[in-house]
Amino acid sequence: MEHLLSTIAIAVIQALPWTLMLTASSFVIGAVLAVPICTVASSKSAVVRTVSHSIILVVRSIPPIVWLFIIFFGIGNGLVAMSPMTAAVAGLGLITAVNLGEIYRGAMKAIPAGQFEAAKVLGLSGLRQYTEILAPQIFRVALPSAATYAIGLLKDTAVASTIGVPEMAQAAYRVSQQTFRGLEVYIISGLFYFAISLVMAYVSRSLDKRLRLRIAR
């Protein structure tokens, strides 16, 4: 039993960097792209809003695994050559962008209108209004939801195993095929996902608490 447990643990730990790198890369790309998505979705033009909301709905309605197949087996097979990891980051980054864009938009709506008016009264440029006054408040409001999404993204990286990314789910599958002990393998790999999720939740709560204390001062 000890040999089995060590075999499982070693395989999962070796795949752990792939899972973390895929999660972090997809989240960072999504967080950046979410800004223009939020801006367009909040446009004063009804036509622009309708088009952007329709695109967001389409992206969110299609399962992550289908997006990965479209990008890797479709685009990656004919138009642009890409590795499984690149395709996974592109697919999960796209999904993350539209979801975080909606989170940002919700956070923006939660900020009192007086804050926007005050920023204008100060005579700051549009860019400085957002970077110095509005963005920090939007970030604080959006943080809990964004952190929850990041934890969900960690679990969604498991679908990348279907296109050949050697992350934890694929490592668990390989070991289960070699040992025929699927129950133990998937329980242990699940515990790794659980432990990482706990760490991410703790970091999120600590950061949120720190931001609240800073604002209170």
C-alpha atoms as a PDB file:
ATOM      1  CA  MET A   1       0.000   0.000   0.000  1.00  0.00           C
ATOM      2  CA  GLU A   2       2.823   2.401   0.853  1.00  0.00           C
ATOM      3  CA  HIS A   3       4.380   1.820  -2.560  1.00  0.00           C
ATOM      4  CA  LEU A   4       1.021   2.529  -4.228  1.00  0.00           C
ATOM      5  CA  LEU A   5       0.511   5.742  -2.259  1.00  0.00           C
ATOM      6  CA  SER A   6       4.018   6.973  -3.013  1.00  0.00           C
ATOM      7  CA  THR A   7       3.572   6.155  -6.710  1.00  0.00           C
ATOM      8  CA  ILE A   8       0.336   8.128  -6.835  1.00  0.00           C
ATOM      9  CA  ALA A   9       1.729  11.060  -4.852  1.00  0.00           C
ATOM     10  CA  ILE A  10       4.882  11.310  -6.974  1.00  0.00           C
ATOM     11  CA  ALA A  11       2.904  11.245 -10.229  1.00  0.00           C
ATOM     12  CA  VAL A  12       0.475  13.913  -9.052  1.00  0.00           C
ATOM     13  CA  ILE A  13       3.211  16.132  -7.605  1.00  0.00           C
ATOM     14  CA  GLN A  14       5.162  15.947 -10.871  1.00  0.00           C
ATOM     15  CA  ALA A  15       2.041  17.079 -12.732  1.00  0.00           C
ATOM     16  CA  LEU A  16       1.237  19.797 -10.187  1.00  0.00           C
ATOM     17  CA  PRO A  17       3.346  22.531 -11.881  1.00  0.00           C
ATOM     18  CA  TRP A  18       1.391  22.016 -15.102  1.00  0.00           C
ATOM     19  CA  THR A  19      -1.908  22.456 -13.270  1.00  0.00           C
ATOM     20  CA  LEU A  20      -0.717  25.570 -11.447  1.00  0.00           C
ATOM     21  CA  MET A  21       0.837  27.072 -14.589  1.00  0.00           C
ATOM     22  CA  LEU A  22      -2.330  26.437 -16.601  1.00  0.00           C
ATOM     23  CA  THR A  23      -4.516  27.935 -13.872  1.00  0.00           C
ATOM     24  CA  ALA A  24      -2.319  31.013 -13.397  1.00  0.00           C
ATOM     25  CA  SER A  25      -1.785  31.670 -17.117  1.00  0.00           C
ATOM     26  CA  SER A  26      -5.470  31.335 -17.959  1.00  0.00           C
ATOM     27  CA  PHE A  27      -6.480  33.547 -15.046  1.00  0.00           C
ATOM     28  CA  VAL A  28      -3.960  36.314 -15.795  1.00  0.00           C
ATOM     29  CA  ILE A  29      -4.843  36.391 -19.496  1.00  0.00           C
ATOM     30  CA  GLY A  30      -8.536  36.362 -18.642  1.00  0.00           C
ATOM     31  CA  ALA A  31      -8.161  39.100 -16.030  1.00  0.00           C
ATOM     32  CA  VAL A  32      -6.474  41.395 -18.558  1.00  0.00           C
ATOM     33  CA  LEU A  33      -8.870  40.694 -21.436  1.00  0.00           C
ATOM     34  CA  ALA A  34     -11.832  41.089 -19.082  1.00  0.00           C
ATOM     35  CA  VAL A  35     -11.182  44.832 -18.830  1.00  0.00           C
ATOM     36  CA  PRO A  36     -12.046  45.686 -22.468  1.00  0.00           C
ATOM     37  CA  ILE A  37     -14.862  43.133 -22.375  1.00  0.00           C
ATOM     38  CA  CYS A  38     -16.334  44.874 -19.331  1.00  0.00           C
ATOM     39  CA  THR A  39     -15.900  48.261 -21.007  1.00  0.00           C
ATOM     40  CA  VAL A  40     -17.679  47.168 -24.190  1.00  0.00           C
ATOM     41  CA  ALA A  41     -20.449  45.404 -22.259  1.00  0.00           C
ATOM     42  CA  SER A  42     -21.019  48.638 -20.303  1.00  0.00           C
ATOM     43  CA  SER A  43     -21.163  50.790 -23.445  1.00  0.00           C
ATOM     44  CA  LYS A  44     -23.793  53.514 -23.715  1.00  0.00           C
ATOM     45  CA  SER A  45     -24.679  52.164 -27.162  1.00  0.00           C
ATOM     46  CA  ALA A  46     -27.541  49.668 -27.005  1.00  0.00           C
ATOM     47  CA  VAL A  47     -26.326  47.970 -30.176  1.00  0.00           C
ATOM     48  CA  VAL A  48     -22.799  47.480 -28.819  1.00  0.00           C
ATOM     49  CA  ARG A  49     -24.170  46.166 -25.520  1.00  0.00           C
ATOM     50  CA  THR A  50     -26.506  43.740 -27.274  1.00  0.00           C
ATOM     51  CA  VAL A  51     -23.752  42.359 -29.506  1.00  0.00           C
ATOM     52  CA  SER A  52     -21.289  42.021 -26.613  1.00  0.00           C
ATOM     53  CA  HIS A  53     -23.859  40.343 -24.363  1.00  0.00           C
ATOM     54  CA  SER A  54     -24.719  37.901 -27.157  1.00  0.00           C
ATOM     55  CA  ILE A  55     -21.060  36.967 -27.621  1.00  0.00           C
ATOM     56  CA  ILE A  56     -20.617  36.575 -23.863  1.00  0.00           C
ATOM     57  CA  LEU A  57     -23.690  34.332 -23.721  1.00  0.00           C
ATOM     58  CA  VAL A  58     -22.349  32.116 -26.505  1.00  0.00           C
ATOM     59  CA  VAL A  59     -18.926  31.746 -24.887  1.00  0.00           C
ATOM     60  CA  ARG A  60     -20.397  30.972 -21.463  1.00  0.00           C
ATOM     61  CA  SER A  61     -22.961  28.522 -22.839  1.00  0.00           C
ATOM     62  CA  ILE A  62     -20.433  26.208 -24.495  1.00  0.00           C
ATOM     63  CA  PRO A  63     -18.668  23.771 -22.087  1.00  0.00           C
ATOM     64  CA  PRO A  64     -14.924  24.309 -21.546  1.00  0.00           C
ATOM     65  CA  ILE A  65     -14.060  20.909 -23.014  1.00  0.00           C
ATOM     66  CA  VAL A  66     -15.830  21.815 -26.268  1.00  0.00           C
ATOM     67  CA  TRP A  67     -13.872  25.081 -26.525  1.00  0.00           C
ATOM     68  CA  LEU A  68     -10.629  23.174 -26.028  1.00  0.00           C
ATOM     69  CA  PHE A  69     -11.604  20.734 -28.783  1.00  0.00           C
ATOM     70  CA  ILE A  70     -12.544  23.600 -31.124  1.00  0.00           C
ATOM     71  CA  ILE A  71      -9.224  25.359 -30.539  1.00  0.00           C
ATOM     72  CA  PHE A  72      -6.916  22.326 -30.466  1.00  0.00           C
ATOM     73  CA  PHE A  73      -8.503  20.005 -33.032  1.00  0.00           C
ATOM     74  CA  GLY A  74     -10.051  22.763 -35.138  1.00  0.00           C
ATOM     75  CA  ILE A  75      -7.924  25.896 -35.188  1.00  0.00           C
ATOM     76  CA  GLY A  76      -4.753  24.145 -34.022  1.00  0.00           C
ATOM     77  CA  ASN A  77      -5.111  21.393 -36.608  1.00  0.00           C
ATOM     78  CA  GLY A  78      -5.428  23.560 -39.653  1.00  0.00           C
ATOM     79  CA  LEU A  79      -4.959  27.292 -39.209  1.00  0.00           C
ATOM     80  CA  VAL A  80      -2.384  27.757 -36.459  1.00  0.00           C
ATOM     81  CA  ALA A  81      -0.111  25.068 -35.064  1.00  0.00           C
ATOM     82  CA  MET A  82      -0.235  25.017 -31.275  1.00  0.00           C
ATOM     83  CA  SER A  83       0.756  22.733 -28.445  1.00  0.00           C
ATOM     84  CA  PRO A  84      -1.842  21.191 -26.103  1.00  0.00           C
ATOM     85  CA  MET A  85      -0.785  23.630 -23.369  1.00  0.00           C
ATOM     86  CA  THR A  86      -1.163  26.652 -25.650  1.00  0.00           C
ATOM     87  CA  ALA A  87      -4.602  25.497 -26.773  1.00  0.00           C
ATOM     88  CA  ALA A  88      -5.667  24.906 -23.169  1.00  0.00           C
ATOM     89  CA  VAL A  89      -4.493  28.360 -22.056  1.00  0.00           C
ATOM     90  CA  ALA A  90      -6.240  29.962 -25.032  1.00  0.00           C
ATOM     91  CA  GLY A  91      -9.511  28.151 -24.363  1.00  0.00           C
ATOM     92  CA  LEU A  92      -9.604  28.594 -20.602  1.00  0.00           C
ATOM     93  CA  GLY A  93      -8.286  32.154 -20.936  1.00  0.00           C
ATOM     94  CA  LEU A  94     -11.159  33.012 -23.277  1.00  0.00           C
ATOM     95  CA  ILE A  95     -13.735  31.569 -20.900  1.00  0.00           C
ATOM     96  CA  THR A  96     -12.102  33.306 -17.944  1.00  0.00           C
ATOM     97  CA  ALA A  97     -12.103  36.644 -19.778  1.00  0.00           C
ATOM     98  CA  VAL A  98     -15.852  36.688 -20.390  1.00  0.00           C
ATOM     99  CA  ASN A  99     -16.654  35.487 -16.872  1.00  0.00           C
ATOM    100  CA  LEU A 100     -14.349  37.972 -15.168  1.00  0.00           C
ATOM    101  CA  GLY A 101     -15.682  40.656 -17.490  1.00  0.00           C
ATOM    102  CA  GLU A 102     -19.132  40.032 -16.053  1.00  0.00           C
ATOM    103  CA  ILE A 103     -17.718  40.040 -12.522  1.00  0.00           C
ATOM    104  CA  TYR A 104     -16.015  43.385 -13.185  1.00  0.00           C
ATOM    105  CA  ARG A 105     -19.233  44.776 -14.629  1.00  0.00           C
ATOM    106  CA  GLY A 106     -21.174  43.702 -11.550  1.00  0.00           C
ATOM    107  CA  ALA A 107     -18.538  45.260  -9.294  1.00  0.00           C
ATOM    108  CA  MET A 108     -18.709  48.499 -11.269  1.00  0.00           C
ATOM    109  CA  LYS A 109     -22.475  48.637 -10.801  1.00  0.00           C
ATOM    110  CA  ALA A 110     -22.011  48.143  -7.052  1.00  0.00           C
ATOM    111  CA  ILE A 111     -19.975  51.350  -6.753  1.00  0.00           C
ATOM    112  CA  PRO A 112     -22.165  54.344  -5.806  1.00  0.00           C
ATOM    113  CA  ALA A 113     -22.760  56.766  -8.673  1.00  0.00           C
ATOM    114  CA  GLY A 114     -21.358  59.536  -6.471  1.00  0.00           C
ATOM    115  CA  GLN A 115     -17.891  58.003  -6.798  1.00  0.00           C
ATOM    116  CA  PHE A 116     -17.965  58.434 -10.581  1.00  0.00           C
ATOM    117  CA  GLU A 117     -19.229  62.004 -10.207  1.00  0.00           C
ATOM    118  CA  ALA A 118     -16.551  62.823  -7.632  1.00  0.00           C
ATOM    119  CA  ALA A 119     -13.857  61.506  -9.973  1.00  0.00           C
ATOM    120  CA  LYS A 120     -15.092  63.857 -12.694  1.00  0.00           C
ATOM    121  CA  VAL A 121     -15.278  66.837 -10.322  1.00  0.00           C
ATOM    122  CA  LEU A 122     -11.620  66.357  -9.408  1.00  0.00           C
ATOM    123  CA  GLY A 123     -10.782  67.145 -13.016  1.00  0.00           C
ATOM    124  CA  LEU A 124      -8.853  63.943 -13.587  1.00  0.00           C
ATOM    125  CA  SER A 125      -8.507  62.462 -17.053  1.00  0.00           C
ATOM    126  CA  GLY A 126     -10.634  59.432 -17.884  1.00  0.00           C
ATOM    127  CA  LEU A 127      -7.658  57.106 -17.448  1.00  0.00           C
ATOM    128  CA  ARG A 128      -6.688  58.575 -14.064  1.00  0.00           C
ATOM    129  CA  GLN A 129     -10.295  58.421 -12.874  1.00  0.00           C
ATOM    130  CA  TYR A 130     -10.271  54.667 -13.355  1.00  0.00           C
ATOM    131  CA  THR A 131      -6.712  53.857 -12.305  1.00  0.00           C
ATOM    132  CA  GLU A 132      -6.560  56.046  -9.177  1.00  0.00           C
ATOM    133  CA  ILE A 133     -10.128  56.145  -7.869  1.00  0.00           C
ATOM    134  CA  LEU A 134     -12.474  53.639  -9.466  1.00  0.00           C
ATOM    135  CA  ALA A 135     -10.223  50.654 -10.252  1.00  0.00           C
ATOM    136  CA  PRO A 136      -9.154  50.047  -6.614  1.00  0.00           C
ATOM    137  CA  GLN A 137     -12.804  50.009  -5.525  1.00  0.00           C
ATOM    138  CA  ILE A 138     -13.829  47.750  -8.393  1.00  0.00           C
ATOM    139  CA  PHE A 139     -10.962  45.410  -7.520  1.00  0.00           C
ATOM    140  CA  ARG A 140     -12.023  45.161  -3.876  1.00  0.00           C
ATOM    141  CA  VAL A 141     -15.669  44.483  -4.737  1.00  0.00           C
ATOM    142  CA  ALA A 142     -14.766  41.960  -7.441  1.00  0.00           C
ATOM    143  CA  LEU A 143     -12.101  40.136  -5.415  1.00  0.00           C
ATOM    144  CA  PRO A 144     -14.320  37.567  -3.608  1.00  0.00           C
ATOM    145  CA  SER A 145     -16.130  36.555  -6.796  1.00  0.00           C
ATOM    146  CA  ALA A 146     -12.903  36.517  -8.814  1.00  0.00           C
ATOM    147  CA  ALA A 147     -11.227  34.332  -6.190  1.00  0.00           C
ATOM    148  CA  THR A 148     -14.153  31.927  -6.211  1.00  0.00           C
ATOM    149  CA  TYR A 149     -13.907  31.773  -9.991  1.00  0.00           C
ATOM    150  CA  ALA A 150     -10.144  31.104  -9.768  1.00  0.00           C
ATOM    151  CA  ILE A 151     -10.821  28.090  -7.553  1.00  0.00           C
ATOM    152  CA  GLY A 152     -13.356  26.843 -10.088  1.00  0.00           C
ATOM    153  CA  LEU A 153     -10.801  27.432 -12.851  1.00  0.00           C
ATOM    154  CA  LEU A 154      -8.323  25.231 -10.986  1.00  0.00           C
ATOM    155  CA  LYS A 155     -10.826  22.379 -11.188  1.00  0.00           C
ATOM    156  CA  ASP A 156     -11.658  23.151 -14.825  1.00  0.00           C
ATOM    157  CA  THR A 157      -8.019  22.610 -15.789  1.00  0.00           C
ATOM    158  CA  ALA A 158      -8.734  18.886 -15.495  1.00  0.00           C
ATOM    159  CA  VAL A 159     -10.449  19.012 -18.906  1.00  0.00           C
ATOM    160  CA  ALA A 160      -7.076  19.901 -20.450  1.00  0.00           C
ATOM    161  CA  SER A 161      -6.103  16.261 -19.965  1.00  0.00           C
ATOM    162  CA  THR A 162      -8.402  15.418 -22.889  1.00  0.00           C
ATOM    163  CA  ILE A 163      -6.095  17.202 -25.339  1.00  0.00           C
ATOM    164  CA  GLY A 164      -2.846  15.914 -23.847  1.00  0.00           C
ATOM    165  CA  VAL A 165      -1.797  18.447 -21.216  1.00  0.00           C
ATOM    166  CA  PRO A 166       0.106  16.433 -18.562  1.00  0.00           C
ATOM    167  CA  GLU A 167      -1.638  18.026 -15.571  1.00  0.00           C
ATOM    168  CA  MET A 168      -2.861  16.295 -12.408  1.00  0.00           C
ATOM    169  CA  ALA A 169      -5.999  14.685 -13.838  1.00  0.00           C
ATOM    170  CA  GLN A 170      -4.050  13.089 -16.668  1.00  0.00           C
ATOM    171  CA  ALA A 171      -1.356  11.923 -14.252  1.00  0.00           C
ATOM    172  CA  ALA A 172      -4.042  10.326 -12.083  1.00  0.00           C
ATOM    173  CA  TYR A 173      -5.547   8.620 -15.125  1.00  0.00           C
ATOM    174  CA  ARG A 174      -2.183   7.177 -16.190  1.00  0.00           C
ATOM    175  CA  VAL A 175      -1.479   5.798 -12.723  1.00  0.00           C
ATOM    176  CA  SER A 176      -4.980   4.308 -12.465  1.00  0.00           C
ATOM    177  CA  GLN A 177      -4.434   2.520 -15.795  1.00  0.00           C
ATOM    178  CA  GLN A 178      -1.085   1.169 -14.614  1.00  0.00           C
ATOM    179  CA  THR A 179      -2.158   0.075 -11.135  1.00  0.00           C
ATOM    180  CA  PHE A 180      -5.874  -0.700 -11.644  1.00  0.00           C
ATOM    181  CA  ARG A 181      -6.523   1.117  -8.343  1.00  0.00           C
ATOM    182  CA  GLY A 182      -8.690   3.943  -9.613  1.00  0.00           C
ATOM    183  CA  LEU A 183     -10.422   4.634  -6.289  1.00  0.00           C
ATOM    184  CA  GLU A 184      -7.234   5.343  -4.376  1.00  0.00           C
ATOM    185  CA  VAL A 185      -5.709   7.270  -7.260  1.00  0.00           C
ATOM    186  CA  TYR A 186      -8.618   9.652  -7.727  1.00  0.00           C
ATOM    187  CA  ILE A 187      -9.180  10.150  -4.004  1.00  0.00           C
ATOM    188  CA  ILE A 188      -5.564  11.227  -3.547  1.00  0.00           C
ATOM    189  CA  SER A 189      -5.611  13.477  -6.612  1.00  0.00           C
ATOM    190  CA  GLY A 190      -8.875  14.965  -5.339  1.00  0.00           C
ATOM    191  CA  LEU A 191      -7.196  15.737  -2.020  1.00  0.00           C
ATOM    192  CA  PHE A 192      -4.492  17.652  -3.884  1.00  0.00           C
ATOM    193  CA  TYR A 193      -7.141  19.764  -5.641  1.00  0.00           C
ATOM    194  CA  PHE A 194      -8.844  20.307  -2.274  1.00  0.00           C
ATOM    195  CA  ALA A 195      -5.604  21.394  -0.577  1.00  0.00           C
ATOM    196  CA  ILE A 196      -4.757  23.871  -3.338  1.00  0.00           C
ATOM    197  CA  SER A 197      -8.296  25.270  -3.207  1.00  0.00           C
ATOM    198  CA  LEU A 198      -7.947  25.830   0.547  1.00  0.00           C
ATOM    199  CA  VAL A 199      -4.695  27.740   0.033  1.00  0.00           C
ATOM    200  CA  MET A 200      -6.262  29.896  -2.686  1.00  0.00           C
ATOM    201  CA  ALA A 201      -9.288  30.632  -0.489  1.00  0.00           C
ATOM    202  CA  TYR A 202      -7.021  31.575   2.435  1.00  0.00           C
ATOM    203  CA  VAL A 203      -4.942  33.934   0.279  1.00  0.00           C
ATOM    204  CA  SER A 204      -8.116  35.522  -1.080  1.00  0.00           C
ATOM    205  CA  ARG A 205      -9.592  36.102   2.385  1.00  0.00           C
ATOM    206  CA  SER A 206      -6.308  37.520   3.675  1.00  0.00           C
ATOM    207  CA  LEU A 207      -6.044  39.929   0.753  1.00  0.00           C
ATOM    208  CA  ASP A 208      -9.668  40.993   1.111  1.00  0.00           C
ATOM    209  CA  LYS A 209      -9.188  41.588   4.843  1.00  0.00           C
ATOM    210  CA  ARG A 210      -6.064  43.653   4.191  1.00  0.00           C
ATOM    211  CA  LEU A 211      -7.883  45.788   1.633  1.00  0.00           C
ATOM    212  CA  ARG A 212     -10.773  46.379   4.025  1.00  0.00           C
ATOM    213  CA  LEU A 213      -8.391  47.464   6.781  1.00  0.00           C
ATOM    214  CA  ARG A 214      -6.607  49.836   4.409  1.00  0.00           C
ATOM    215  CA  ILE A 215      -9.908  51.412   3.382  1.00  0.00           C
ATOM    216  CA  ALA A 216     -11.011  51.692   7.025  1.00  0.00           C
ATOM    217  CA  ARG A 217      -7.917  53.769   7.783  1.00  0.00           C
END
